[in-house]
PDB file of all heavy atoms in Angstrom:
ATOM      1  N   ALA A   1       0.838  -1.205   0.000  1.00  0.00           N
ATOM      2  CA  ALA A   1       0.000   0.000   0.000  1.00  0.00           C
ATOM      3  C   ALA A   1       0.871   1.252   0.000  1.00  0.00           C
ATOM      4  O   ALA A   1       0.554   2.240  -0.675  1.00  0.00           O
ATOM      5  CB  ALA A   1      -0.932   0.001   1.206  1.00  0.00           C
ATOM      6  N   ILE A   2       1.960   1.208   0.735  1.00  0.00           N
ATOM      7  CA  ILE A   2       2.884   2.351   0.750  1.00  0.00           C
ATOM      8  C   ILE A   2       3.511   2.536  -0.628  1.00  0.00           C
ATOM      9  O   ILE A   2       3.597   3.659  -1.136  1.00  0.00           O
ATOM     10  CB  ILE A   2       3.965   2.154   1.832  1.00  0.00           C
ATOM     11  CG1 ILE A   2       3.321   2.164   3.213  1.00  0.00           C
ATOM     12  CG2 ILE A   2       5.032   3.239   1.740  1.00  0.00           C
ATOM     13  CD1 ILE A   2       4.242   1.755   4.340  1.00  0.00           C
ATOM     14  N   PHE A   3       3.935   1.431  -1.244  1.00  0.00           N
ATOM     15  CA  PHE A   3       4.530   1.519  -2.577  1.00  0.00           C
ATOM     16  C   PHE A   3       3.536   2.083  -3.582  1.00  0.00           C
ATOM     17  O   PHE A   3       3.867   2.980  -4.364  1.00  0.00           O
ATOM     18  CB  PHE A   3       5.021   0.139  -3.050  1.00  0.00           C
ATOM     19  CG  PHE A   3       5.497   0.148  -4.465  1.00  0.00           C
ATOM     20  CD1 PHE A   3       6.746   0.647  -4.780  1.00  0.00           C
ATOM     21  CD2 PHE A   3       4.681  -0.318  -5.491  1.00  0.00           C
ATOM     22  CE1 PHE A   3       7.182   0.671  -6.100  1.00  0.00           C
ATOM     23  CE2 PHE A   3       5.108  -0.298  -6.809  1.00  0.00           C
ATOM     24  CZ  PHE A   3       6.358   0.200  -7.115  1.00  0.00           C
ATOM     25  N   LEU A   4       2.305   1.571  -3.570  1.00  0.00           N
ATOM     26  CA  LEU A   4       1.296   2.041  -4.523  1.00  0.00           C
ATOM     27  C   LEU A   4       0.941   3.506  -4.307  1.00  0.00           C
ATOM     28  O   LEU A   4       0.752   4.261  -5.262  1.00  0.00           O
ATOM     29  CB  LEU A   4       0.051   1.161  -4.453  1.00  0.00           C
ATOM     30  CG  LEU A   4       0.215  -0.254  -4.990  1.00  0.00           C
ATOM     31  CD1 LEU A   4      -1.049  -1.068  -4.738  1.00  0.00           C
ATOM     32  CD2 LEU A   4       0.542  -0.232  -6.468  1.00  0.00           C
ATOM     33  N   THR A   5       0.848   3.914  -3.056  1.00  0.00           N
ATOM     34  CA  THR A   5       0.555   5.321  -2.752  1.00  0.00           C
ATOM     35  C   THR A   5       1.699   6.211  -3.222  1.00  0.00           C
ATOM     36  O   THR A   5       1.470   7.283  -3.794  1.00  0.00           O
ATOM     37  CB  THR A   5       0.309   5.511  -1.248  1.00  0.00           C
ATOM     38  OG1 THR A   5      -0.750   4.648  -0.842  1.00  0.00           O
ATOM     39  CG2 THR A   5      -0.054   6.945  -0.928  1.00  0.00           C
ATOM     40  N   THR A   6       2.925   5.773  -2.994  1.00  0.00           N
ATOM     41  CA  THR A   6       4.094   6.533  -3.435  1.00  0.00           C
ATOM     42  C   THR A   6       4.128   6.647  -4.956  1.00  0.00           C
ATOM     43  O   THR A   6       4.343   7.727  -5.512  1.00  0.00           O
ATOM     44  CB  THR A   6       5.387   5.879  -2.919  1.00  0.00           C
ATOM     45  OG1 THR A   6       5.315   5.741  -1.505  1.00  0.00           O
ATOM     46  CG2 THR A   6       6.603   6.698  -3.286  1.00  0.00           C
ATOM     47  N   LYS A   7       3.884   5.536  -5.634  1.00  0.00           N
ATOM     48  CA  LYS A   7       3.900   5.540  -7.101  1.00  0.00           C
ATOM     49  C   LYS A   7       2.766   6.405  -7.654  1.00  0.00           C
ATOM     50  O   LYS A   7       2.963   7.174  -8.603  1.00  0.00           O
ATOM     51  CB  LYS A   7       3.780   4.102  -7.630  1.00  0.00           C
ATOM     52  CG  LYS A   7       4.075   3.974  -9.092  1.00  0.00           C
ATOM     53  CD  LYS A   7       5.512   4.340  -9.379  1.00  0.00           C
ATOM     54  CE  LYS A   7       5.860   4.115 -10.833  1.00  0.00           C
ATOM     55  NZ  LYS A   7       7.233   4.507 -11.119  1.00  0.00           N
ATOM     56  N   ALA A   8       1.584   6.304  -7.055  1.00  0.00           N
ATOM     57  CA  ALA A   8       0.453   7.129  -7.495  1.00  0.00           C
ATOM     58  C   ALA A   8       0.746   8.614  -7.296  1.00  0.00           C
ATOM     59  O   ALA A   8       0.395   9.448  -8.134  1.00  0.00           O
ATOM     60  CB  ALA A   8      -0.811   6.727  -6.738  1.00  0.00           C
ATOM     61  N   THR A   9       1.399   8.950  -6.198  1.00  0.00           N
ATOM     62  CA  THR A   9       1.770  10.341  -5.937  1.00  0.00           C
ATOM     63  C   THR A   9       2.752  10.839  -6.989  1.00  0.00           C
ATOM     64  O   THR A   9       2.611  11.954  -7.507  1.00  0.00           O
ATOM     65  CB  THR A   9       2.374  10.484  -4.531  1.00  0.00           C
ATOM     66  OG1 THR A   9       1.433   9.994  -3.578  1.00  0.00           O
ATOM     67  CG2 THR A   9       2.728  11.919  -4.215  1.00  0.00           C
ATOM     68  N   GLU A  10       3.735  10.020  -7.313  1.00  0.00           N
ATOM     69  CA  GLU A  10       4.697  10.397  -8.349  1.00  0.00           C
ATOM     70  C   GLU A  10       4.010  10.623  -9.689  1.00  0.00           C
ATOM     71  O   GLU A  10       4.288  11.604 -10.382  1.00  0.00           O
ATOM     72  CB  GLU A  10       5.756   9.314  -8.512  1.00  0.00           C
ATOM     73  CG  GLU A  10       6.786   9.304  -7.434  1.00  0.00           C
ATOM     74  CD  GLU A  10       7.860   8.262  -7.671  1.00  0.00           C
ATOM     75  OE1 GLU A  10       7.844   7.594  -8.735  1.00  0.00           O
ATOM     76  OE2 GLU A  10       8.716   8.116  -6.794  1.00  0.00           O
ATOM     77  N   LEU A  11       3.118   9.713 -10.050  1.00  0.00           N
ATOM     78  CA  LEU A  11       2.417   9.853 -11.330  1.00  0.00           C
ATOM     79  C   LEU A  11       1.525  11.092 -11.348  1.00  0.00           C
ATOM     80  O   LEU A  11       1.421  11.780 -12.372  1.00  0.00           O
ATOM     81  CB  LEU A  11       1.611   8.590 -11.632  1.00  0.00           C
ATOM     82  CG  LEU A  11       2.443   7.327 -11.889  1.00  0.00           C
ATOM     83  CD1 LEU A  11       1.531   6.116 -12.039  1.00  0.00           C
ATOM     84  CD2 LEU A  11       3.316   7.497 -13.114  1.00  0.00           C
ATOM     85  N   PHE A  12       0.899  11.387 -10.217  1.00  0.00           N
ATOM     86  CA  PHE A  12       0.066  12.588 -10.132  1.00  0.00           C
ATOM     87  C   PHE A  12       0.912  13.842 -10.307  1.00  0.00           C
ATOM     88  O   PHE A  12       0.541  14.762 -11.042  1.00  0.00           O
ATOM     89  CB  PHE A  12      -0.682  12.637  -8.806  1.00  0.00           C
ATOM     90  CG  PHE A  12      -1.395  13.932  -8.584  1.00  0.00           C
ATOM     91  CD1 PHE A  12      -2.571  14.203  -9.253  1.00  0.00           C
ATOM     92  CD2 PHE A  12      -0.881  14.900  -7.734  1.00  0.00           C
ATOM     93  CE1 PHE A  12      -3.225  15.413  -9.086  1.00  0.00           C
ATOM     94  CE2 PHE A  12      -1.528  16.102  -7.553  1.00  0.00           C
ATOM     95  CZ  PHE A  12      -2.699  16.360  -8.229  1.00  0.00           C
ATOM     96  N   VAL A  13       2.051  13.890  -9.633  1.00  0.00           N
ATOM     97  CA  VAL A  13       2.932  15.055  -9.740  1.00  0.00           C
ATOM     98  C   VAL A  13       3.444  15.194 -11.176  1.00  0.00           C
ATOM     99  O   VAL A  13       3.518  16.308 -11.711  1.00  0.00           O
ATOM    100  CB  VAL A  13       4.086  14.962  -8.723  1.00  0.00           C
ATOM    101  CG1 VAL A  13       5.135  16.029  -8.974  1.00  0.00           C
ATOM    102  CG2 VAL A  13       3.547  15.077  -7.301  1.00  0.00           C
ATOM    103  N   GLN A  14       3.777  14.079 -11.816  1.00  0.00           N
ATOM    104  CA  GLN A  14       4.213  14.128 -13.210  1.00  0.00           C
ATOM    105  C   GLN A  14       3.095  14.645 -14.118  1.00  0.00           C
ATOM    106  O   GLN A  14       3.340  15.463 -15.011  1.00  0.00           O
ATOM    107  CB  GLN A  14       4.650  12.746 -13.686  1.00  0.00           C
ATOM    108  CG  GLN A  14       5.983  12.312 -13.150  1.00  0.00           C
ATOM    109  CD  GLN A  14       6.337  10.908 -13.576  1.00  0.00           C
ATOM    110  OE1 GLN A  14       5.511  10.188 -14.131  1.00  0.00           O
ATOM    111  NE2 GLN A  14       7.566  10.496 -13.299  1.00  0.00           N
ATOM    112  N   HIS A  15       1.876  14.187 -13.876  1.00  0.00           N
ATOM    113  CA  HIS A  15       0.734  14.641 -14.684  1.00  0.00           C
ATOM    114  C   HIS A  15       0.496  16.136 -14.487  1.00  0.00           C
ATOM    115  O   HIS A  15       0.274  16.866 -15.468  1.00  0.00           O
ATOM    116  CB  HIS A  15      -0.507  13.832 -14.320  1.00  0.00           C
ATOM    117  CG  HIS A  15      -1.727  14.207 -15.074  1.00  0.00           C
ATOM    118  ND1 HIS A  15      -1.839  14.067 -16.442  1.00  0.00           N
ATOM    119  CD2 HIS A  15      -2.904  14.744 -14.666  1.00  0.00           C
ATOM    120  CE1 HIS A  15      -3.021  14.496 -16.835  1.00  0.00           C
ATOM    121  NE2 HIS A  15      -3.689  14.908 -15.777  1.00  0.00           N
ATOM    122  N   LEU A  16       0.556  16.590 -13.262  1.00  0.00           N
ATOM    123  CA  LEU A  16       0.393  18.020 -12.980  1.00  0.00           C
ATOM    124  C   LEU A  16       1.498  18.825 -13.646  1.00  0.00           C
ATOM    125  O   LEU A  16       1.240  19.865 -14.263  1.00  0.00           O
ATOM    126  CB  LEU A  16       0.387  18.269 -11.467  1.00  0.00           C
ATOM    127  CG  LEU A  16       0.388  19.724 -11.010  1.00  0.00           C
ATOM    128  CD1 LEU A  16      -0.875  20.441 -11.480  1.00  0.00           C
ATOM    129  CD2 LEU A  16       0.519  19.807  -9.501  1.00  0.00           C
ATOM    130  N   ALA A  17       2.726  18.350 -13.545  1.00  0.00           N
ATOM    131  CA  ALA A  17       3.851  19.069 -14.145  1.00  0.00           C
ATOM    132  C   ALA A  17       3.740  19.109 -15.670  1.00  0.00           C
ATOM    133  O   ALA A  17       3.966  20.157 -16.286  1.00  0.00           O
ATOM    134  CB  ALA A  17       5.168  18.427 -13.725  1.00  0.00           C
ATOM    135  N   MET A  18       3.371  17.981 -16.283  1.00  0.00           N
ATOM    136  CA  MET A  18       3.235  17.954 -17.739  1.00  0.00           C
ATOM    137  C   MET A  18       2.087  18.849 -18.210  1.00  0.00           C
ATOM    138  O   MET A  18       2.225  19.578 -19.196  1.00  0.00           O
ATOM    139  CB  MET A  18       3.008  16.529 -18.248  1.00  0.00           C
ATOM    140  CG  MET A  18       4.246  15.658 -18.267  1.00  0.00           C
ATOM    141  SD  MET A  18       5.565  16.307 -19.312  1.00  0.00           S
ATOM    142  CE  MET A  18       4.787  16.281 -20.907  1.00  0.00           C
ATOM    143  N   SER A  19       0.968  18.811 -17.505  1.00  0.00           N
ATOM    144  CA  SER A  19      -0.162  19.676 -17.876  1.00  0.00           C
ATOM    145  C   SER A  19       0.228  21.143 -17.729  1.00  0.00           C
ATOM    146  O   SER A  19      -0.100  21.962 -18.587  1.00  0.00           O
ATOM    147  CB  SER A  19      -1.367  19.372 -16.992  1.00  0.00           C
ATOM    148  OG  SER A  19      -1.836  18.082 -17.211  1.00  0.00           O
ATOM    149  N   SER A  20       0.920  21.471 -16.663  1.00  0.00           N
ATOM    150  CA  SER A  20       1.345  22.854 -16.442  1.00  0.00           C
ATOM    151  C   SER A  20       2.360  23.282 -17.483  1.00  0.00           C
ATOM    152  O   SER A  20       2.328  24.411 -17.974  1.00  0.00           O
ATOM    153  CB  SER A  20       1.939  23.006 -15.044  1.00  0.00           C
ATOM    154  OG  SER A  20       0.989  22.681 -14.071  1.00  0.00           O
ATOM    155  N   TYR A  21       3.272  22.385 -17.819  1.00  0.00           N
ATOM    156  CA  TYR A  21       4.293  22.687 -18.824  1.00  0.00           C
ATOM    157  C   TYR A  21       3.656  22.900 -20.193  1.00  0.00           C
ATOM    158  O   TYR A  21       3.985  23.854 -20.896  1.00  0.00           O
ATOM    159  CB  TYR A  21       5.311  21.550 -18.879  1.00  0.00           C
ATOM    160  CG  TYR A  21       6.389  21.737 -19.907  1.00  0.00           C
ATOM    161  CD1 TYR A  21       7.466  22.578 -19.670  1.00  0.00           C
ATOM    162  CD2 TYR A  21       6.336  21.068 -21.128  1.00  0.00           C
ATOM    163  CE1 TYR A  21       8.461  22.748 -20.617  1.00  0.00           C
ATOM    164  CE2 TYR A  21       7.317  21.231 -22.081  1.00  0.00           C
ATOM    165  CZ  TYR A  21       8.380  22.072 -21.811  1.00  0.00           C
ATOM    166  OH  TYR A  21       9.363  22.241 -22.758  1.00  0.00           O
ATOM    167  N   ASN A  22       2.737  22.026 -20.569  1.00  0.00           N
ATOM    168  CA  ASN A  22       2.094  22.137 -21.878  1.00  0.00           C
ATOM    169  C   ASN A  22       1.206  23.373 -21.984  1.00  0.00           C
ATOM    170  O   ASN A  22       1.074  23.946 -23.067  1.00  0.00           O
ATOM    171  CB  ASN A  22       1.276  20.885 -22.182  1.00  0.00           C
ATOM    172  CG  ASN A  22       2.140  19.684 -22.448  1.00  0.00           C
ATOM    173  OD1 ASN A  22       3.272  19.810 -22.894  1.00  0.00           O
ATOM    174  ND2 ASN A  22       1.623  18.506 -22.168  1.00  0.00           N
ATOM    175  N   ASN A  23       0.584  23.787 -20.889  1.00  0.00           N
ATOM    176  CA  ASN A  23      -0.299  24.952 -20.911  1.00  0.00           C
ATOM    177  C   ASN A  23       0.411  26.225 -20.492  1.00  0.00           C
ATOM    178  O   ASN A  23      -0.166  27.298 -20.581  1.00  0.00           O
ATOM    179  CB  ASN A  23      -1.498  24.725 -19.981  1.00  0.00           C
ATOM    180  CG  ASN A  23      -2.338  23.550 -20.415  1.00  0.00           C
ATOM    181  OD1 ASN A  23      -2.410  23.238 -21.590  1.00  0.00           O
ATOM    182  ND2 ASN A  23      -2.953  22.880 -19.460  1.00  0.00           N
ATOM    183  N   GLY A  24       1.636  26.110 -20.033  1.00  0.00           N
ATOM    184  CA  GLY A  24       2.331  27.249 -19.449  1.00  0.00           C
ATOM    185  C   GLY A  24       3.115  28.073 -20.430  1.00  0.00           C
ATOM    186  O   GLY A  24       3.170  27.811 -21.637  1.00  0.00           O
ATOM    187  N   SER A  25       3.772  29.071 -19.866  1.00  0.00           N
ATOM    188  CA  SER A  25       4.533  30.022 -20.667  1.00  0.00           C
ATOM    189  C   SER A  25       5.986  29.608 -20.826  1.00  0.00           C
ATOM    190  O   SER A  25       6.719  30.236 -21.584  1.00  0.00           O
ATOM    191  CB  SER A  25       4.472  31.401 -20.007  1.00  0.00           C
ATOM    192  OG  SER A  25       5.007  31.322 -18.691  1.00  0.00           O
ATOM    193  N   GLY A  26       6.428  28.577 -20.145  1.00  0.00           N
ATOM    194  CA  GLY A  26       7.831  28.200 -20.176  1.00  0.00           C
ATOM    195  C   GLY A  26       8.201  27.188 -21.236  1.00  0.00           C
ATOM    196  O   GLY A  26       9.314  26.663 -21.223  1.00  0.00           O
ATOM    197  N   LYS A  27       7.297  26.899 -22.153  1.00  0.00           N
ATOM    198  CA  LYS A  27       7.582  25.922 -23.202  1.00  0.00           C
ATOM    199  C   LYS A  27       8.800  26.326 -24.031  1.00  0.00           C
ATOM    200  O   LYS A  27       9.613  25.489 -24.401  1.00  0.00           O
ATOM    201  CB  LYS A  27       6.371  25.775 -24.116  1.00  0.00           C
ATOM    202  CG  LYS A  27       5.793  24.412 -24.149  1.00  0.00           C
ATOM    203  CD  LYS A  27       4.652  24.379 -25.135  1.00  0.00           C
ATOM    204  CE  LYS A  27       4.000  23.027 -25.082  1.00  0.00           C
ATOM    205  NZ  LYS A  27       2.884  22.928 -25.968  1.00  0.00           N
ATOM    206  N   ASP A  28       8.912  27.607 -24.311  1.00  0.00           N
ATOM    207  CA  ASP A  28      10.007  28.087 -25.160  1.00  0.00           C
ATOM    208  C   ASP A  28      11.353  27.970 -24.464  1.00  0.00           C
ATOM    209  O   ASP A  28      12.369  27.724 -25.105  1.00  0.00           O
ATOM    210  CB  ASP A  28       9.763  29.546 -25.564  1.00  0.00           C
ATOM    211  CG  ASP A  28       8.436  29.727 -26.273  1.00  0.00           C
ATOM    212  OD1 ASP A  28       8.014  28.780 -26.974  1.00  0.00           O
ATOM    213  OD2 ASP A  28       7.822  30.799 -26.124  1.00  0.00           O
ATOM    214  N   THR A  29      11.367  28.141 -23.161  1.00  0.00           N
ATOM    215  CA  THR A  29      12.628  28.118 -22.413  1.00  0.00           C
ATOM    216  C   THR A  29      12.821  26.832 -21.617  1.00  0.00           C
ATOM    217  O   THR A  29      13.775  26.729 -20.849  1.00  0.00           O
ATOM    218  CB  THR A  29      12.682  29.310 -21.437  1.00  0.00           C
ATOM    219  OG1 THR A  29      11.557  29.244 -20.555  1.00  0.00           O
ATOM    220  CG2 THR A  29      12.676  30.629 -22.177  1.00  0.00           C
ATOM    221  N   ASN A  30      11.933  25.870 -21.791  1.00  0.00           N
ATOM    222  CA  ASN A  30      11.999  24.596 -21.057  1.00  0.00           C
ATOM    223  C   ASN A  30      12.016  24.803 -19.550  1.00  0.00           C
ATOM    224  O   ASN A  30      12.813  24.211 -18.824  1.00  0.00           O
ATOM    225  CB  ASN A  30      13.210  23.768 -21.479  1.00  0.00           C
ATOM    226  CG  ASN A  30      12.987  23.070 -22.786  1.00  0.00           C
ATOM    227  OD1 ASN A  30      11.863  22.796 -23.168  1.00  0.00           O
ATOM    228  ND2 ASN A  30      14.063  22.777 -23.491  1.00  0.00           N
ATOM    229  N   THR A  31      11.137  25.675 -19.076  1.00  0.00           N
ATOM    230  CA  THR A  31      11.034  25.921 -17.640  1.00  0.00           C
ATOM    231  C   THR A  31       9.591  25.744 -17.197  1.00  0.00           C
ATOM    232  O   THR A  31       8.654  25.868 -17.990  1.00  0.00           O
ATOM    233  CB  THR A  31      11.486  27.350 -17.272  1.00  0.00           C
ATOM    234  OG1 THR A  31      10.683  28.285 -17.998  1.00  0.00           O
ATOM    235  CG2 THR A  31      12.949  27.572 -17.586  1.00  0.00           C
TER     236      THR A  31
END
C-alpha cells in the first residue's frame, strides 16, 4: 500500500507538471 501510494503520488505530480508545462509560458525556455 505504501509503494502504490508513493507511485500514485509520483504519477500525479508528473501529470500536474506535464499539464502545467504544456499549458504554461515556459515551453520556449523549457522551464
